[in-house]
């Protein structure tokens, strides 16, 4: 207005800073934006040892390893290795977590099935991540874990030949048969052990047997005492897996050990 004399006054202006979402140019690249880092903190399977053909549960503990950046709207998608007989997700392969604060973690649970014909080895499972951070929308990352599958060792024996199946004390009988590896894993340090009160303990080392192949047992068993039972001789076949764990398959063979007839006849002659 029109003043007779100049007037001096004081006033204030409130200044607002830009929102954090607007602090970066829309064209800013990935290296100019900050985002959370979501990692696998730990994982386990139930059962702990998975054999081919089993269903199992995978529990993965995911952690936001960032010190100050939160993650929200997190979508985890599990993807099996793209090979034949890889474990497959039994049901939905996705899990949603609303948010993970800096340093926070959450456990994801997914059910899997495995094929009975799966090769014994470790299979890679990829966990794809899609999430939001304050400066980075729809960030995408992937982390990997390895889950081991085992194959059950299997074997059978061919026809066990005992010749002869009746001997006298001090005589020997020949035992022959094959051990067939019918599984998909190597059998290590295969050994056959014969035990009974009437015979001298006998061990026959066969060695390693590859899948689909056979090893042979050909040994002599010595009679040391007359058979006092039904003539059953215990046959134990032992083998090791790749970790040195020993397993045993037990069978029986029939072998009668009689008194030494020559000694009886000699005693009759002496009298």
C-alpha atoms as a PDB file:
ATOM      1  CA  UNK A   1       0.000   0.000   0.000  1.00  0.00           C
ATOM      2  CA  UNK A   2       0.923   3.642   0.192  1.00  0.00           C
ATOM      3  CA  UNK A   3       2.883   4.361   3.361  1.00  0.00           C
ATOM      4  CA  UNK A   4       3.955   7.737   4.633  1.00  0.00           C
ATOM      5  CA  UNK A   5       7.243   6.229   5.685  1.00  0.00           C
ATOM      6  CA  UNK A   6       9.099   2.910   5.031  1.00  0.00           C
ATOM      7  CA  UNK A   7       8.044   0.010   7.290  1.00  0.00           C
ATOM      8  CA  UNK A   8      10.447  -2.761   8.342  1.00  0.00           C
ATOM      9  CA  UNK A   9       9.071  -6.226   9.297  1.00  0.00           C
ATOM     10  CA  UNK A  10      10.293  -9.844   9.811  1.00  0.00           C
ATOM     11  CA  UNK A  11       8.700 -13.041   8.443  1.00  0.00           C
ATOM     12  CA  UNK A  12       9.604 -16.742   8.173  1.00  0.00           C
ATOM     13  CA  UNK A  13       9.529 -19.346   5.371  1.00  0.00           C
ATOM     14  CA  UNK A  14       9.192 -23.071   6.130  1.00  0.00           C
ATOM     15  CA  UNK A  15      11.394 -25.243   3.842  1.00  0.00           C
ATOM     16  CA  UNK A  16      10.668 -28.929   3.252  1.00  0.00           C
ATOM     17  CA  UNK A  17      13.381 -31.402   2.113  1.00  0.00           C
ATOM     18  CA  UNK A  18      12.600 -33.836  -0.688  1.00  0.00           C
ATOM     19  CA  UNK A  19      11.181 -37.266   0.181  1.00  0.00           C
ATOM     20  CA  UNK A  20      13.777 -40.039   0.169  1.00  0.00           C
ATOM     21  CA  UNK A  21      12.051 -41.687  -2.814  1.00  0.00           C
ATOM     22  CA  UNK A  22      12.524 -38.446  -4.767  1.00  0.00           C
ATOM     23  CA  UNK A  23      16.136 -37.870  -3.742  1.00  0.00           C
ATOM     24  CA  UNK A  24      17.479 -39.754  -6.760  1.00  0.00           C
ATOM     25  CA  UNK A  25      16.921 -38.968 -10.363  1.00  0.00           C
ATOM     26  CA  UNK A  26      14.510 -41.393 -12.005  1.00  0.00           C
ATOM     27  CA  UNK A  27      17.282 -42.334 -14.421  1.00  0.00           C
ATOM     28  CA  UNK A  28      19.750 -43.233 -11.659  1.00  0.00           C
ATOM     29  CA  UNK A  29      21.445 -46.600 -12.258  1.00  0.00           C
ATOM     30  CA  UNK A  30      21.663 -49.603  -9.929  1.00  0.00           C
ATOM     31  CA  UNK A  31      25.055 -48.537  -8.603  1.00  0.00           C
ATOM     32  CA  UNK A  32      23.521 -45.214  -7.464  1.00  0.00           C
ATOM     33  CA  UNK A  33      20.681 -46.836  -5.507  1.00  0.00           C
ATOM     34  CA  UNK A  34      20.865 -48.721  -2.239  1.00  0.00           C
ATOM     35  CA  UNK A  35      18.943 -51.920  -1.575  1.00  0.00           C
ATOM     36  CA  UNK A  36      18.751 -54.607   1.072  1.00  0.00           C
ATOM     37  CA  UNK A  37      20.928 -57.719   0.880  1.00  0.00           C
ATOM     38  CA  UNK A  38      18.976 -60.897   1.577  1.00  0.00           C
ATOM     39  CA  UNK A  39      21.113 -63.993   2.113  1.00  0.00           C
ATOM     40  CA  UNK A  40      20.743 -67.623   3.233  1.00  0.00           C
ATOM     41  CA  UNK A  41      21.642 -67.648   6.912  1.00  0.00           C
ATOM     42  CA  UNK A  42      21.251 -71.448   7.254  1.00  0.00           C
ATOM     43  CA  UNK A  43      19.196 -74.359   5.977  1.00  0.00           C
ATOM     44  CA  UNK A  44      18.285 -77.925   6.894  1.00  0.00           C
ATOM     45  CA  UNK A  45      16.289 -80.833   5.519  1.00  0.00           C
ATOM     46  CA  UNK A  46      13.892 -83.247   7.194  1.00  0.00           C
ATOM     47  CA  UNK A  47      15.011 -86.021   7.096  1.00  0.00           C
ATOM     48  CA  UNK A  48      18.650 -84.943   7.410  1.00  0.00           C
ATOM     49  CA  UNK A  49      19.789 -87.719   5.032  1.00  0.00           C
ATOM     50  CA  UNK A  50      17.639 -87.879   1.910  1.00  0.00           C
ATOM     51  CA  UNK A  51      17.477 -91.098  -0.114  1.00  0.00           C
ATOM     52  CA  UNK A  52      16.310 -91.097  -3.709  1.00  0.00           C
ATOM     53  CA  UNK A  53      12.534 -91.627  -3.868  1.00  0.00           C
ATOM     54  CA  UNK A  54      11.850 -89.895  -0.529  1.00  0.00           C
ATOM     55  CA  UNK A  55       9.794 -86.761   0.062  1.00  0.00           C
ATOM     56  CA  UNK A  56      11.562 -84.189   2.207  1.00  0.00           C
ATOM     57  CA  UNK A  57      11.030 -80.757   3.741  1.00  0.00           C
ATOM     58  CA  UNK A  58      13.514 -77.955   3.126  1.00  0.00           C
ATOM     59  CA  UNK A  59      13.744 -75.211   5.774  1.00  0.00           C
ATOM     60  CA  UNK A  60      15.743 -72.143   4.768  1.00  0.00           C
ATOM     61  CA  UNK A  61      16.501 -69.256   7.118  1.00  0.00           C
ATOM     62  CA  UNK A  62      16.695 -66.036   5.069  1.00  0.00           C
ATOM     63  CA  UNK A  63      18.353 -62.974   6.603  1.00  0.00           C
ATOM     64  CA  UNK A  64      18.456 -59.296   5.676  1.00  0.00           C
ATOM     65  CA  UNK A  65      22.196 -58.743   6.002  1.00  0.00           C
ATOM     66  CA  UNK A  66      21.902 -54.959   5.552  1.00  0.00           C
ATOM     67  CA  UNK A  67      22.771 -52.750   8.513  1.00  0.00           C
ATOM     68  CA  UNK A  68      20.250 -50.003   7.811  1.00  0.00           C
ATOM     69  CA  UNK A  69      18.114 -50.859   4.762  1.00  0.00           C
ATOM     70  CA  UNK A  70      14.796 -52.641   5.130  1.00  0.00           C
ATOM     71  CA  UNK A  71      13.168 -54.942   2.573  1.00  0.00           C
ATOM     72  CA  UNK A  72       9.436 -55.286   1.954  1.00  0.00           C
ATOM     73  CA  UNK A  73       6.989 -57.118  -0.312  1.00  0.00           C
ATOM     74  CA  UNK A  74       9.481 -59.976  -0.614  1.00  0.00           C
ATOM     75  CA  UNK A  75       8.719 -62.838  -3.003  1.00  0.00           C
ATOM     76  CA  UNK A  76      10.910 -65.955  -2.759  1.00  0.00           C
ATOM     77  CA  UNK A  77      10.645 -68.493  -5.592  1.00  0.00           C
ATOM     78  CA  UNK A  78      12.391 -71.878  -5.412  1.00  0.00           C
ATOM     79  CA  UNK A  79      13.755 -73.352  -8.634  1.00  0.00           C
ATOM     80  CA  UNK A  80      15.353 -76.813  -8.940  1.00  0.00           C
ATOM     81  CA  UNK A  81      18.398 -77.539 -11.037  1.00  0.00           C
ATOM     82  CA  UNK A  82      17.460 -78.104 -14.679  1.00  0.00           C
ATOM     83  CA  UNK A  83      18.689 -81.694 -14.927  1.00  0.00           C
ATOM     84  CA  UNK A  84      16.999 -85.071 -15.168  1.00  0.00           C
ATOM     85  CA  UNK A  85      15.626 -86.440 -11.870  1.00  0.00           C
ATOM     86  CA  UNK A  86      16.319 -83.223  -9.951  1.00  0.00           C
ATOM     87  CA  UNK A  87      14.188 -82.807  -6.781  1.00  0.00           C
ATOM     88  CA  UNK A  88      10.853 -81.148  -7.557  1.00  0.00           C
ATOM     89  CA  UNK A  89       8.701 -78.866  -5.416  1.00  0.00           C
ATOM     90  CA  UNK A  90       5.688 -80.638  -3.955  1.00  0.00           C
ATOM     91  CA  UNK A  91       3.074 -77.865  -4.114  1.00  0.00           C
ATOM     92  CA  UNK A  92       3.670 -74.128  -4.462  1.00  0.00           C
ATOM     93  CA  UNK A  93       7.261 -73.047  -5.092  1.00  0.00           C
ATOM     94  CA  UNK A  94       6.775 -69.460  -3.849  1.00  0.00           C
ATOM     95  CA  UNK A  95       6.726 -67.867  -0.401  1.00  0.00           C
ATOM     96  CA  UNK A  96       5.844 -64.232   0.392  1.00  0.00           C
ATOM     97  CA  UNK A  97       7.315 -62.344   3.365  1.00  0.00           C
ATOM     98  CA  UNK A  98       5.844 -58.919   4.124  1.00  0.00           C
ATOM     99  CA  UNK A  99       9.047 -57.338   5.387  1.00  0.00           C
ATOM    100  CA  UNK A 100      12.502 -57.914   6.816  1.00  0.00           C
ATOM    101  CA  UNK A 101      14.040 -55.199   8.950  1.00  0.00           C
ATOM    102  CA  UNK A 102      17.836 -54.731   8.889  1.00  0.00           C
ATOM    103  CA  UNK A 103      19.403 -57.796  10.519  1.00  0.00           C
ATOM    104  CA  UNK A 104      16.071 -59.641  10.751  1.00  0.00           C
ATOM    105  CA  UNK A 105      15.465 -63.172   9.469  1.00  0.00           C
ATOM    106  CA  UNK A 106      12.585 -65.481   8.613  1.00  0.00           C
ATOM    107  CA  UNK A 107      12.342 -69.237   7.957  1.00  0.00           C
ATOM    108  CA  UNK A 108      10.854 -70.514   4.710  1.00  0.00           C
ATOM    109  CA  UNK A 109       9.460 -74.059   4.476  1.00  0.00           C
ATOM    110  CA  UNK A 110       9.064 -75.874   1.155  1.00  0.00           C
ATOM    111  CA  UNK A 111       8.205 -79.538   0.503  1.00  0.00           C
ATOM    112  CA  UNK A 112      10.073 -81.473  -2.200  1.00  0.00           C
ATOM    113  CA  UNK A 113       9.833 -84.880  -3.863  1.00  0.00           C
ATOM    114  CA  UNK A 114      12.760 -86.866  -5.222  1.00  0.00           C
ATOM    115  CA  UNK A 115      12.909 -89.484  -7.954  1.00  0.00           C
ATOM    116  CA  UNK A 116      13.878 -93.087  -7.091  1.00  0.00           C
ATOM    117  CA  UNK A 117      16.216 -93.064 -10.109  1.00  0.00           C
ATOM    118  CA  UNK A 118      18.019 -89.847  -9.130  1.00  0.00           C
ATOM    119  CA  UNK A 119      21.798 -90.048  -9.247  1.00  0.00           C
ATOM    120  CA  UNK A 120      23.589 -89.875  -5.900  1.00  0.00           C
ATOM    121  CA  UNK A 121      25.025 -86.355  -5.732  1.00  0.00           C
ATOM    122  CA  UNK A 122      24.262 -82.783  -4.632  1.00  0.00           C
ATOM    123  CA  UNK A 123      21.546 -80.876  -6.504  1.00  0.00           C
ATOM    124  CA  UNK A 124      21.460 -77.077  -6.745  1.00  0.00           C
ATOM    125  CA  UNK A 125      18.314 -75.233  -5.698  1.00  0.00           C
ATOM    126  CA  UNK A 126      18.073 -71.564  -6.658  1.00  0.00           C
ATOM    127  CA  UNK A 127      16.096 -69.130  -4.500  1.00  0.00           C
ATOM    128  CA  UNK A 128      14.995 -66.169  -6.611  1.00  0.00           C
ATOM    129  CA  UNK A 129      14.270 -62.973  -4.658  1.00  0.00           C
ATOM    130  CA  UNK A 130      12.128 -60.007  -5.659  1.00  0.00           C
ATOM    131  CA  UNK A 131      11.604 -57.221  -3.133  1.00  0.00           C
ATOM    132  CA  UNK A 132      11.368 -53.482  -2.493  1.00  0.00           C
ATOM    133  CA  UNK A 133      13.771 -51.182  -0.669  1.00  0.00           C
ATOM    134  CA  UNK A 134      13.216 -47.453  -0.059  1.00  0.00           C
ATOM    135  CA  UNK A 135      15.406 -46.475  -3.024  1.00  0.00           C
ATOM    136  CA  UNK A 136      15.016 -49.606  -5.120  1.00  0.00           C
ATOM    137  CA  UNK A 137      11.700 -51.049  -6.240  1.00  0.00           C
ATOM    138  CA  UNK A 138      11.413 -54.620  -7.563  1.00  0.00           C
ATOM    139  CA  UNK A 139      15.012 -55.526  -6.852  1.00  0.00           C
ATOM    140  CA  UNK A 140      15.885 -58.990  -8.118  1.00  0.00           C
ATOM    141  CA  UNK A 141      18.561 -61.283  -6.717  1.00  0.00           C
ATOM    142  CA  UNK A 142      19.231 -65.028  -6.622  1.00  0.00           C
ATOM    143  CA  UNK A 143      21.010 -67.244  -4.107  1.00  0.00           C
ATOM    144  CA  UNK A 144      21.828 -70.946  -4.376  1.00  0.00           C
ATOM    145  CA  UNK A 145      22.021 -73.880  -1.985  1.00  0.00           C
ATOM    146  CA  UNK A 146      22.987 -77.522  -2.576  1.00  0.00           C
ATOM    147  CA  UNK A 147      20.917 -80.458  -1.297  1.00  0.00           C
ATOM    148  CA  UNK A 148      22.454 -83.943  -1.329  1.00  0.00           C
ATOM    149  CA  UNK A 149      20.576 -87.080  -2.383  1.00  0.00           C
ATOM    150  CA  UNK A 150      21.769 -90.584  -1.573  1.00  0.00           C
ATOM    151  CA  UNK A 151      21.044 -93.893  -3.264  1.00  0.00           C
ATOM    152  CA  UNK A 152      20.323 -96.987  -1.200  1.00  0.00           C
ATOM    153  CA  UNK A 153      23.018 -99.605  -1.679  1.00  0.00           C
ATOM    154  CA  UNK A 154      21.547-102.899  -2.919  1.00  0.00           C
ATOM    155  CA  UNK A 155      23.028-106.312  -3.448  1.00  0.00           C
ATOM    156  CA  UNK A 156      21.954-109.907  -3.862  1.00  0.00           C
ATOM    157  CA  UNK A 157      23.759-113.193  -4.154  1.00  0.00           C
ATOM    158  CA  UNK A 158      23.658-115.796  -6.828  1.00  0.00           C
ATOM    159  CA  UNK A 159      23.062-119.457  -6.011  1.00  0.00           C
ATOM    160  CA  UNK A 160      25.377-120.497  -3.177  1.00  0.00           C
ATOM    161  CA  UNK A 161      27.096-123.792  -3.991  1.00  0.00           C
ATOM    162  CA  UNK A 162      28.528-125.845  -1.123  1.00  0.00           C
ATOM    163  CA  UNK A 163      30.488-128.874  -2.346  1.00  0.00           C
ATOM    164  CA  UNK A 164      30.236-131.159  -0.539  1.00  0.00           C
ATOM    165  CA  UNK A 165      27.551-130.092   1.908  1.00  0.00           C
ATOM    166  CA  UNK A 166      28.641-132.734   4.440  1.00  0.00           C
ATOM    167  CA  UNK A 167      32.243-133.282   5.565  1.00  0.00           C
ATOM    168  CA  UNK A 168      34.119-134.858   8.433  1.00  0.00           C
ATOM    169  CA  UNK A 169      36.224-133.047  11.005  1.00  0.00           C
ATOM    170  CA  UNK A 170      39.505-132.029   9.379  1.00  0.00           C
ATOM    171  CA  UNK A 171      38.058-131.970   5.868  1.00  0.00           C
ATOM    172  CA  UNK A 172      37.224-128.974   3.675  1.00  0.00           C
ATOM    173  CA  UNK A 173      34.233-127.907   1.628  1.00  0.00           C
ATOM    174  CA  UNK A 174      34.300-125.487  -1.312  1.00  0.00           C
ATOM    175  CA  UNK A 175      31.819-122.563  -1.214  1.00  0.00           C
ATOM    176  CA  UNK A 176      31.185-120.521  -4.361  1.00  0.00           C
ATOM    177  CA  UNK A 177      28.697-117.754  -5.205  1.00  0.00           C
ATOM    178  CA  UNK A 178      28.476-114.310  -6.780  1.00  0.00           C
ATOM    179  CA  UNK A 179      27.635-110.983  -5.122  1.00  0.00           C
ATOM    180  CA  UNK A 180      25.673-108.726  -7.481  1.00  0.00           C
ATOM    181  CA  UNK A 181      25.561-104.945  -7.064  1.00  0.00           C
ATOM    182  CA  UNK A 182      21.946-104.180  -8.047  1.00  0.00           C
ATOM    183  CA  UNK A 183      22.030-100.548  -6.872  1.00  0.00           C
ATOM    184  CA  UNK A 184      23.332 -97.302  -8.390  1.00  0.00           C
ATOM    185  CA  UNK A 185      26.307 -96.735  -6.077  1.00  0.00           C
ATOM    186  CA  UNK A 186      29.694 -98.418  -5.652  1.00  0.00           C
ATOM    187  CA  UNK A 187      30.090-101.077  -2.965  1.00  0.00           C
ATOM    188  CA  UNK A 188      33.505-100.707  -1.326  1.00  0.00           C
ATOM    189  CA  UNK A 189      35.609-103.355   0.455  1.00  0.00           C
ATOM    190  CA  UNK A 190      33.087-106.161   0.100  1.00  0.00           C
ATOM    191  CA  UNK A 191      33.945-109.050   2.425  1.00  0.00           C
ATOM    192  CA  UNK A 192      32.281-112.423   3.139  1.00  0.00           C
ATOM    193  CA  UNK A 193      32.658-114.005   6.580  1.00  0.00           C
ATOM    194  CA  UNK A 194      31.632-117.593   7.481  1.00  0.00           C
ATOM    195  CA  UNK A 195      31.082-118.475  11.165  1.00  0.00           C
ATOM    196  CA  UNK A 196      29.815-121.530  13.088  1.00  0.00           C
ATOM    197  CA  UNK A 197      30.904-123.649  16.028  1.00  0.00           C
ATOM    198  CA  UNK A 198      31.698-126.512  13.678  1.00  0.00           C
ATOM    199  CA  UNK A 199      34.020-124.641  11.281  1.00  0.00           C
ATOM    200  CA  UNK A 200      37.099-122.496  11.392  1.00  0.00           C
ATOM    201  CA  UNK A 201      36.113-118.861  10.890  1.00  0.00           C
ATOM    202  CA  UNK A 202      36.772-117.918   7.274  1.00  0.00           C
ATOM    203  CA  UNK A 203      36.967-114.504   5.588  1.00  0.00           C
ATOM    204  CA  UNK A 204      36.958-113.965   1.837  1.00  0.00           C
ATOM    205  CA  UNK A 205      37.773-110.446   0.583  1.00  0.00           C
ATOM    206  CA  UNK A 206      35.975-109.562  -2.655  1.00  0.00           C
ATOM    207  CA  UNK A 207      36.939-105.869  -3.072  1.00  0.00           C
ATOM    208  CA  UNK A 208      34.969-103.088  -4.743  1.00  0.00           C
ATOM    209  CA  UNK A 209      31.931-103.845  -6.911  1.00  0.00           C
ATOM    210  CA  UNK A 210      30.671-101.256  -9.388  1.00  0.00           C
ATOM    211  CA  UNK A 211      26.941-100.710 -10.010  1.00  0.00           C
ATOM    212  CA  UNK A 212      25.532-103.409 -12.259  1.00  0.00           C
ATOM    213  CA  UNK A 213      28.558-105.683 -11.828  1.00  0.00           C
ATOM    214  CA  UNK A 214      29.389-108.719  -9.696  1.00  0.00           C
ATOM    215  CA  UNK A 215      32.129-110.008  -7.462  1.00  0.00           C
ATOM    216  CA  UNK A 216      32.839-113.688  -6.825  1.00  0.00           C
ATOM    217  CA  UNK A 217      33.402-115.676  -3.645  1.00  0.00           C
ATOM    218  CA  UNK A 218      35.376-118.927  -3.999  1.00  0.00           C
ATOM    219  CA  UNK A 219      36.753-120.227  -0.724  1.00  0.00           C
ATOM    220  CA  UNK A 220      37.400-123.404   1.296  1.00  0.00           C
ATOM    221  CA  UNK A 221      35.797-123.976   4.696  1.00  0.00           C
ATOM    222  CA  UNK A 222      37.514-126.261   7.181  1.00  0.00           C
ATOM    223  CA  UNK A 223      35.496-128.469   9.602  1.00  0.00           C
ATOM    224  CA  UNK A 224      36.889-128.400  13.130  1.00  0.00           C
ATOM    225  CA  UNK A 225      34.132-129.965  15.267  1.00  0.00           C
ATOM    226  CA  UNK A 226      31.059-132.135  14.747  1.00  0.00           C
ATOM    227  CA  UNK A 227      27.850-130.254  14.048  1.00  0.00           C
ATOM    228  CA  UNK A 228      25.683-130.137  17.175  1.00  0.00           C
ATOM    229  CA  UNK A 229      22.756-128.239  15.649  1.00  0.00           C
ATOM    230  CA  UNK A 230      20.926-128.163  12.298  1.00  0.00           C
ATOM    231  CA  UNK A 231      24.087-127.423  10.311  1.00  0.00           C
ATOM    232  CA  UNK A 232      23.454-123.720   9.629  1.00  0.00           C
ATOM    233  CA  UNK A 233      26.595-121.687   8.959  1.00  0.00           C
ATOM    234  CA  UNK A 234      26.256-117.879   9.315  1.00  0.00           C
ATOM    235  CA  UNK A 235      27.331-115.903   6.252  1.00  0.00           C
ATOM    236  CA  UNK A 236      27.886-112.150   6.762  1.00  0.00           C
ATOM    237  CA  UNK A 237      28.518-109.948   3.731  1.00  0.00           C
ATOM    238  CA  UNK A 238      29.891-106.528   4.696  1.00  0.00           C
ATOM    239  CA  UNK A 239      30.525-103.487   2.516  1.00  0.00           C
ATOM    240  CA  UNK A 240      31.289 -99.774   2.909  1.00  0.00           C
ATOM    241  CA  UNK A 241      29.805 -96.663   1.315  1.00  0.00           C
ATOM    242  CA  UNK A 242      31.825 -93.691   0.037  1.00  0.00           C
ATOM    243  CA  UNK A 243      32.051 -92.321   3.597  1.00  0.00           C
ATOM    244  CA  UNK A 244      33.367 -95.572   5.070  1.00  0.00           C
ATOM    245  CA  UNK A 245      30.093 -96.505   6.785  1.00  0.00           C
ATOM    246  CA  UNK A 246      29.896-100.292   7.102  1.00  0.00           C
ATOM    247  CA  UNK A 247      26.689-102.220   6.346  1.00  0.00           C
ATOM    248  CA  UNK A 248      26.034-105.942   6.704  1.00  0.00           C
ATOM    249  CA  UNK A 249      23.803-108.434   4.909  1.00  0.00           C
ATOM    250  CA  UNK A 250      23.355-111.758   6.714  1.00  0.00           C
ATOM    251  CA  UNK A 251      22.568-115.122   5.128  1.00  0.00           C
ATOM    252  CA  UNK A 252      22.951-118.820   5.989  1.00  0.00           C
ATOM    253  CA  UNK A 253      24.424-121.821   4.257  1.00  0.00           C
ATOM    254  CA  UNK A 254      23.967-125.525   5.072  1.00  0.00           C
ATOM    255  CA  UNK A 255      27.059-127.533   5.968  1.00  0.00           C
ATOM    256  CA  UNK A 256      27.151-130.622   8.195  1.00  0.00           C
ATOM    257  CA  UNK A 257      30.416-131.567   9.897  1.00  0.00           C
ATOM    258  CA  UNK A 258      30.543-135.194  11.108  1.00  0.00           C
ATOM    259  CA  UNK A 259      32.835-137.091  13.404  1.00  0.00           C
ATOM    260  CA  UNK A 260      36.122-138.192  11.825  1.00  0.00           C
ATOM    261  CA  UNK A 261      35.162-141.746  10.718  1.00  0.00           C
ATOM    262  CA  UNK A 262      38.771-142.787  10.171  1.00  0.00           C
ATOM    263  CA  UNK A 263      39.541-142.172  13.844  1.00  0.00           C
ATOM    264  CA  UNK A 264      36.557-144.302  14.912  1.00  0.00           C
ATOM    265  CA  UNK A 265      37.674-147.179  12.677  1.00  0.00           C
ATOM    266  CA  UNK A 266      41.220-146.926  14.020  1.00  0.00           C
ATOM    267  CA  UNK A 267      39.939-147.189  17.585  1.00  0.00           C
ATOM    268  CA  UNK A 268      37.910-150.324  16.641  1.00  0.00           C
ATOM    269  CA  UNK A 269      40.995-151.957  15.081  1.00  0.00           C
ATOM    270  CA  UNK A 270      43.085-151.253  18.184  1.00  0.00           C
ATOM    271  CA  UNK A 271      40.607-153.042  20.396  1.00  0.00           C
END
